[in-house]
N, C-alpha and C. Protein backbone atom coordinates (compact mmCIF):
# COMPACT_ATOMS: atom_id res chain seq x y z
N UNK A 1 86.60 157.63 28.01
CA UNK A 1 87.03 158.22 27.01
C UNK A 1 86.43 158.11 25.68
N UNK A 2 85.82 158.85 24.78
CA UNK A 2 85.27 158.24 23.47
C UNK A 2 86.79 158.76 22.06
N UNK A 3 86.47 157.88 21.10
CA UNK A 3 87.67 158.21 20.09
C UNK A 3 86.50 158.04 18.98
N UNK A 4 87.05 158.99 18.06
CA UNK A 4 86.24 158.89 16.72
C UNK A 4 87.12 159.13 15.86
N UNK A 5 87.33 158.14 14.85
CA UNK A 5 88.34 157.95 14.08
C UNK A 5 88.18 157.64 12.55
N UNK A 6 88.50 158.82 11.57
CA UNK A 6 88.38 158.30 9.89
C UNK A 6 89.60 157.88 9.87
N UNK A 7 89.85 156.68 9.27
CA UNK A 7 90.63 155.93 8.86
C UNK A 7 91.54 156.43 7.56
N UNK A 8 90.97 157.03 6.73
CA UNK A 8 91.82 157.47 5.91
C UNK A 8 92.61 158.96 6.43
N UNK A 9 92.79 158.93 7.82
CA UNK A 9 93.58 159.87 8.25
C UNK A 9 95.08 159.47 9.02
N UNK A 10 94.89 158.02 8.73
CA UNK A 10 96.33 157.66 9.62
C UNK A 10 96.79 156.48 8.31
N UNK A 11 98.04 156.89 8.02
CA UNK A 11 98.93 155.77 7.20
C UNK A 11 98.96 154.83 7.19
N UNK A 12 98.41 153.90 6.08
CA UNK A 12 98.80 152.21 5.63
C UNK A 12 100.15 151.92 5.29
N UNK A 13 100.95 152.60 5.08
CA UNK A 13 102.55 151.98 4.91
C UNK A 13 103.22 151.91 6.46
N UNK A 14 103.62 150.85 6.77
CA UNK A 14 103.96 150.19 7.63
C UNK A 14 105.43 151.14 8.41
N UNK A 15 106.24 151.41 7.27
CA UNK A 15 107.44 152.70 7.59
C UNK A 15 106.71 153.76 7.69
N UNK A 16 106.00 154.76 7.18
CA UNK A 16 105.19 155.61 8.21
C UNK A 16 104.40 155.74 9.68
N UNK A 17 103.83 154.08 9.88
CA UNK A 17 103.44 153.92 11.16
C UNK A 17 104.46 154.01 11.98
N UNK A 18 105.38 153.47 11.59
CA UNK A 18 107.18 153.32 12.65
C UNK A 18 107.64 154.43 12.64
N UNK A 19 107.41 155.18 11.83
CA UNK A 19 108.03 156.55 12.12
C UNK A 19 107.06 157.35 12.97
N UNK A 20 105.83 157.22 13.13
CA UNK A 20 105.14 158.39 14.04
C UNK A 20 105.49 158.53 15.37
N UNK A 21 105.19 158.99 16.50
CA UNK A 21 105.78 159.30 17.35
C UNK A 21 104.99 158.50 18.43
N UNK A 22 105.78 157.74 19.37
CA UNK A 22 105.30 156.98 20.11
C UNK A 22 103.40 156.56 20.09
N UNK A 23 102.83 158.29 21.27
CA UNK A 23 101.79 158.36 21.11
C UNK A 23 101.01 157.56 20.05
N UNK A 24 101.09 158.68 18.91
CA UNK A 24 99.80 157.67 17.64
C UNK A 24 100.70 157.11 17.28
N UNK A 25 101.29 156.37 17.28
CA UNK A 25 101.93 154.88 16.79
C UNK A 25 101.33 153.58 17.79
N UNK A 26 101.19 154.30 18.55
CA UNK A 26 100.45 153.06 19.31
C UNK A 26 98.93 153.26 19.18
N UNK A 27 98.24 154.40 18.93
CA UNK A 27 96.59 154.68 19.13
C UNK A 27 96.89 154.22 17.56
N UNK A 28 97.38 154.84 16.66
CA UNK A 28 97.05 153.78 15.58
C UNK A 28 97.22 152.25 15.43
N UNK A 29 98.22 151.25 16.21
CA UNK A 29 98.29 150.01 16.22
C UNK A 29 96.43 149.27 16.64
N UNK A 30 96.65 150.39 17.92
CA UNK A 30 95.51 150.18 18.59
C UNK A 30 94.24 149.85 17.42
N UNK A 31 93.72 151.13 17.05
CA UNK A 31 92.49 151.20 16.25
C UNK A 31 92.80 150.28 15.12
N UNK A 32 93.60 150.16 14.62
CA UNK A 32 93.80 149.25 13.58
C UNK A 32 93.27 147.46 13.73
N UNK A 33 93.84 147.66 14.59
CA UNK A 33 93.76 146.02 14.92
C UNK A 33 92.58 145.80 15.49
N UNK A 34 91.73 146.70 16.18
CA UNK A 34 90.40 146.39 15.95
C UNK A 34 89.67 146.43 15.02
N UNK A 35 90.04 147.52 13.88
CA UNK A 35 89.36 147.44 12.79
C UNK A 35 89.50 145.93 11.90
N UNK A 36 91.21 145.19 12.08
CA UNK A 36 91.08 143.92 11.58
C UNK A 36 89.98 142.69 12.31
N UNK A 37 90.20 142.74 13.68
CA UNK A 37 89.64 142.08 14.53
C UNK A 37 88.10 142.01 14.04
N UNK A 38 87.32 143.25 13.77
CA UNK A 38 86.12 143.26 13.74
C UNK A 38 85.43 143.09 12.57
N UNK A 39 86.59 143.49 11.61
CA UNK A 39 85.62 142.82 10.09
C UNK A 39 85.92 141.69 9.58
N UNK A 40 86.27 140.97 10.63
CA UNK A 40 86.29 139.44 10.26
C UNK A 40 85.00 138.61 10.49
N UNK A 41 84.25 139.40 11.32
CA UNK A 41 83.04 138.81 11.64
C UNK A 41 81.73 139.66 11.68
N UNK A 42 81.26 140.30 10.69
CA UNK A 42 80.82 141.59 10.85
C UNK A 42 79.34 140.93 11.09
N UNK A 43 78.80 139.78 10.50
CA UNK A 43 77.64 138.89 10.40
C UNK A 43 77.17 139.09 12.18
N UNK A 44 77.89 138.67 12.80
CA UNK A 44 77.63 138.80 14.42
C UNK A 44 76.81 140.13 14.66
N UNK A 45 76.09 139.80 16.10
CA UNK A 45 75.68 141.13 15.97
C UNK A 45 76.71 141.65 17.65
N UNK A 46 77.12 141.24 17.67
CA UNK A 46 78.31 141.96 18.82
C UNK A 46 79.48 141.09 18.50
N UNK A 47 80.82 141.16 18.36
CA UNK A 47 81.89 141.40 18.44
C UNK A 47 82.82 140.94 19.24
N UNK A 48 82.96 139.86 20.09
CA UNK A 48 84.59 140.03 21.36
C UNK A 48 85.90 139.91 20.20
N UNK A 49 86.71 140.80 20.29
CA UNK A 49 88.10 140.48 20.33
C UNK A 49 89.15 140.10 21.42
N UNK A 50 90.50 140.18 20.83
CA UNK A 50 91.36 139.83 22.14
C UNK A 50 91.86 140.77 21.74
N UNK A 51 91.44 141.82 21.37
CA UNK A 51 92.26 143.44 21.51
C UNK A 51 92.34 143.94 22.63
N UNK A 52 93.10 144.39 23.30
CA UNK A 52 93.30 144.87 24.95
C UNK A 52 92.87 146.03 25.02
N UNK A 53 91.97 146.76 25.72
CA UNK A 53 92.20 148.05 25.58
C UNK A 53 93.51 148.84 26.18
N UNK A 54 93.74 149.79 25.80
CA UNK A 54 94.97 150.85 25.96
C UNK A 54 94.44 152.06 27.21
N UNK A 55 93.40 152.04 27.69
CA UNK A 55 93.25 152.65 28.76
C UNK A 55 93.80 152.41 30.16
N UNK A 56 94.40 153.77 30.30
CA UNK A 56 94.82 153.15 31.96
C UNK A 56 94.49 154.51 32.89
N UNK A 57 94.44 154.75 34.40
CA UNK A 57 94.52 155.51 34.99
C UNK A 57 95.46 155.49 35.94
N UNK A 58 95.58 156.50 36.89
CA UNK A 58 96.67 157.05 37.46
C UNK A 58 97.81 155.68 38.16
N UNK A 59 97.18 154.05 38.43
CA UNK A 59 98.03 153.45 39.00
C UNK A 59 97.52 152.23 38.16
N UNK A 60 97.23 151.62 37.10
CA UNK A 60 97.03 150.86 36.23
C UNK A 60 96.76 150.29 35.20
N UNK A 61 97.07 149.58 34.35
CA UNK A 61 96.15 149.67 32.99
C UNK A 61 95.00 148.70 33.09
N UNK A 62 93.72 149.32 31.73
CA UNK A 62 92.48 148.67 32.35
C UNK A 62 92.94 147.01 31.52
N UNK A 63 92.08 146.03 32.20
CA UNK A 63 91.78 144.84 31.83
C UNK A 63 91.19 144.51 30.95
N UNK A 64 90.88 145.15 30.27
CA UNK A 64 89.48 145.14 29.88
C UNK A 64 89.89 144.55 28.08
N UNK A 65 89.26 143.77 27.10
CA UNK A 65 89.05 143.81 25.74
C UNK A 65 87.75 144.41 25.10
N UNK A 66 87.96 144.58 23.86
CA UNK A 66 87.14 145.54 23.14
C UNK A 66 86.16 144.69 22.50
N UNK A 67 85.45 145.36 22.59
CA UNK A 67 83.61 144.47 21.59
C UNK A 67 83.06 145.85 20.91
N UNK A 68 82.70 144.98 20.02
CA UNK A 68 82.15 145.99 18.93
C UNK A 68 81.40 145.60 18.01
N UNK A 69 81.05 146.24 17.27
CA UNK A 69 79.84 145.81 16.00
C UNK A 69 79.96 146.98 14.98
N UNK A 70 79.50 146.71 13.52
CA UNK A 70 78.69 147.78 12.43
C UNK A 70 77.58 148.16 12.95
N UNK A 71 77.47 149.25 12.59
CA UNK A 71 76.33 150.12 12.81
C UNK A 71 75.42 150.13 11.15
N UNK A 72 74.01 151.00 11.20
CA UNK A 72 73.49 150.90 9.62
C UNK A 72 74.20 151.71 9.07
N UNK A 73 74.87 152.50 9.41
CA UNK A 73 75.72 153.46 8.39
C UNK A 73 77.13 152.55 8.09
N UNK A 74 77.30 151.52 8.70
CA UNK A 74 78.73 150.98 8.17
C UNK A 74 80.01 151.47 9.01
N UNK A 75 79.50 152.16 10.22
CA UNK A 75 80.50 152.41 11.34
C UNK A 75 81.17 151.57 12.19
N UNK A 76 82.12 151.17 12.21
CA UNK A 76 82.58 150.33 13.23
C UNK A 76 82.48 150.97 14.38
N UNK A 77 81.80 150.78 16.26
CA UNK A 77 81.45 151.05 16.69
C UNK A 77 81.86 149.68 17.80
N UNK A 78 83.17 150.47 19.28
CA UNK A 78 83.39 149.55 19.95
C UNK A 78 83.44 150.18 21.29
N UNK A 79 83.68 149.25 22.59
CA UNK A 79 83.47 149.71 23.48
C UNK A 79 84.68 148.87 24.28
N UNK A 80 85.20 148.96 25.40
CA UNK A 80 85.93 148.42 26.54
C UNK A 80 84.77 147.36 27.15
N UNK A 81 85.43 146.33 27.59
CA UNK A 81 84.01 145.50 28.27
C UNK A 81 83.98 145.89 29.55
N UNK A 82 85.10 146.45 30.19
CA UNK A 82 85.66 147.03 31.72
C UNK A 82 85.55 148.37 31.81
N UNK A 83 85.89 149.29 31.02
CA UNK A 83 85.90 150.40 31.39
C UNK A 83 85.11 151.44 30.25
N UNK A 84 85.09 152.67 30.58
CA UNK A 84 84.35 153.31 29.81
C UNK A 84 84.73 154.14 28.28
N UNK A 85 86.07 153.40 27.56
CA UNK A 85 86.69 153.70 26.56
C UNK A 85 85.63 152.98 25.53
N UNK A 86 85.57 154.07 24.56
CA UNK A 86 84.43 153.72 23.59
C UNK A 86 85.20 154.40 22.03
N UNK A 87 84.15 153.97 21.18
CA UNK A 87 84.74 154.99 20.10
C UNK A 87 83.83 154.35 18.63
N UNK A 88 84.26 155.41 17.70
CA UNK A 88 83.67 155.05 16.39
C UNK A 88 84.79 154.96 15.19
N UNK A 89 84.98 154.22 14.15
CA UNK A 89 86.07 153.99 13.25
C UNK A 89 85.17 153.77 11.89
N UNK A 90 84.97 155.34 11.42
CA UNK A 90 84.94 155.58 9.66
C UNK A 90 85.80 155.09 8.50
N UNK A 91 85.31 154.90 7.31
CA UNK A 91 86.46 154.79 6.11
C UNK A 91 87.19 153.89 6.29
N UNK A 92 86.77 152.65 7.04
CA UNK A 92 87.86 151.30 7.58
C UNK A 92 87.93 150.30 6.17
N UNK A 93 86.20 150.46 5.00
CA UNK A 93 86.57 149.31 4.57
C UNK A 93 87.14 149.98 2.74
N UNK A 94 87.56 148.50 2.77
CA UNK A 94 89.20 148.85 1.59
C UNK A 94 90.34 149.10 2.00
N UNK A 95 90.28 149.33 3.49
CA UNK A 95 92.18 149.65 3.85
C UNK A 95 92.52 148.51 3.83
N UNK A 96 93.63 148.51 4.03
CA UNK A 96 94.74 146.97 4.01
C UNK A 96 94.22 146.19 5.68
N UNK A 97 93.83 147.03 6.46
CA UNK A 97 93.26 145.94 7.83
C UNK A 97 91.68 145.32 7.62
N UNK A 98 90.54 145.85 6.64
CA UNK A 98 89.85 145.29 5.91
C UNK A 98 90.00 143.64 5.84
N UNK A 99 89.35 143.34 6.93
CA UNK A 99 89.34 141.88 6.62
C UNK A 99 88.12 140.83 6.34
N UNK A 100 87.45 141.74 5.91
CA UNK A 100 85.87 141.01 5.38
C UNK A 100 86.00 140.04 4.50
N UNK A 101 85.67 138.55 4.50
CA UNK A 101 85.55 137.60 3.59
C UNK A 101 84.78 138.46 1.97
N UNK A 102 85.61 138.09 0.82
CA UNK A 102 85.64 138.88 -0.44
C UNK A 102 84.88 137.79 -1.19
N UNK A 103 84.28 138.06 -2.00
CA UNK A 103 83.45 137.26 -3.43
C UNK A 103 84.06 137.51 -4.04
N UNK A 104 84.76 136.50 -4.84
CA UNK A 104 85.17 136.50 -6.55
C UNK A 104 84.49 135.87 -7.08
N UNK A 105 84.35 136.20 -8.56
CA UNK A 105 83.60 136.09 -9.38
C UNK A 105 84.09 135.04 -11.10
């Protein structure tokens, strides 16, 4: 399954995230974990993360992890290394999950 996420549509306040219905909360945690992991290593062509895939079929949970990269437009692109789940995350820069190294002057 493919997911397209604009991070501006997700709450940043931990209390608001905790108050979400469970499916929405779990998806928010999943997507923001991808942003937090990928944004640490943007200089790499493909980033392997420890984020576990959330996909499941009728009998079991996917055992894959998420790999990703940033495309030329600055969108994070991710895919499970085992199943077909994938997605795009836009407007992630500057959020609380953005872990890019900052240059201070």
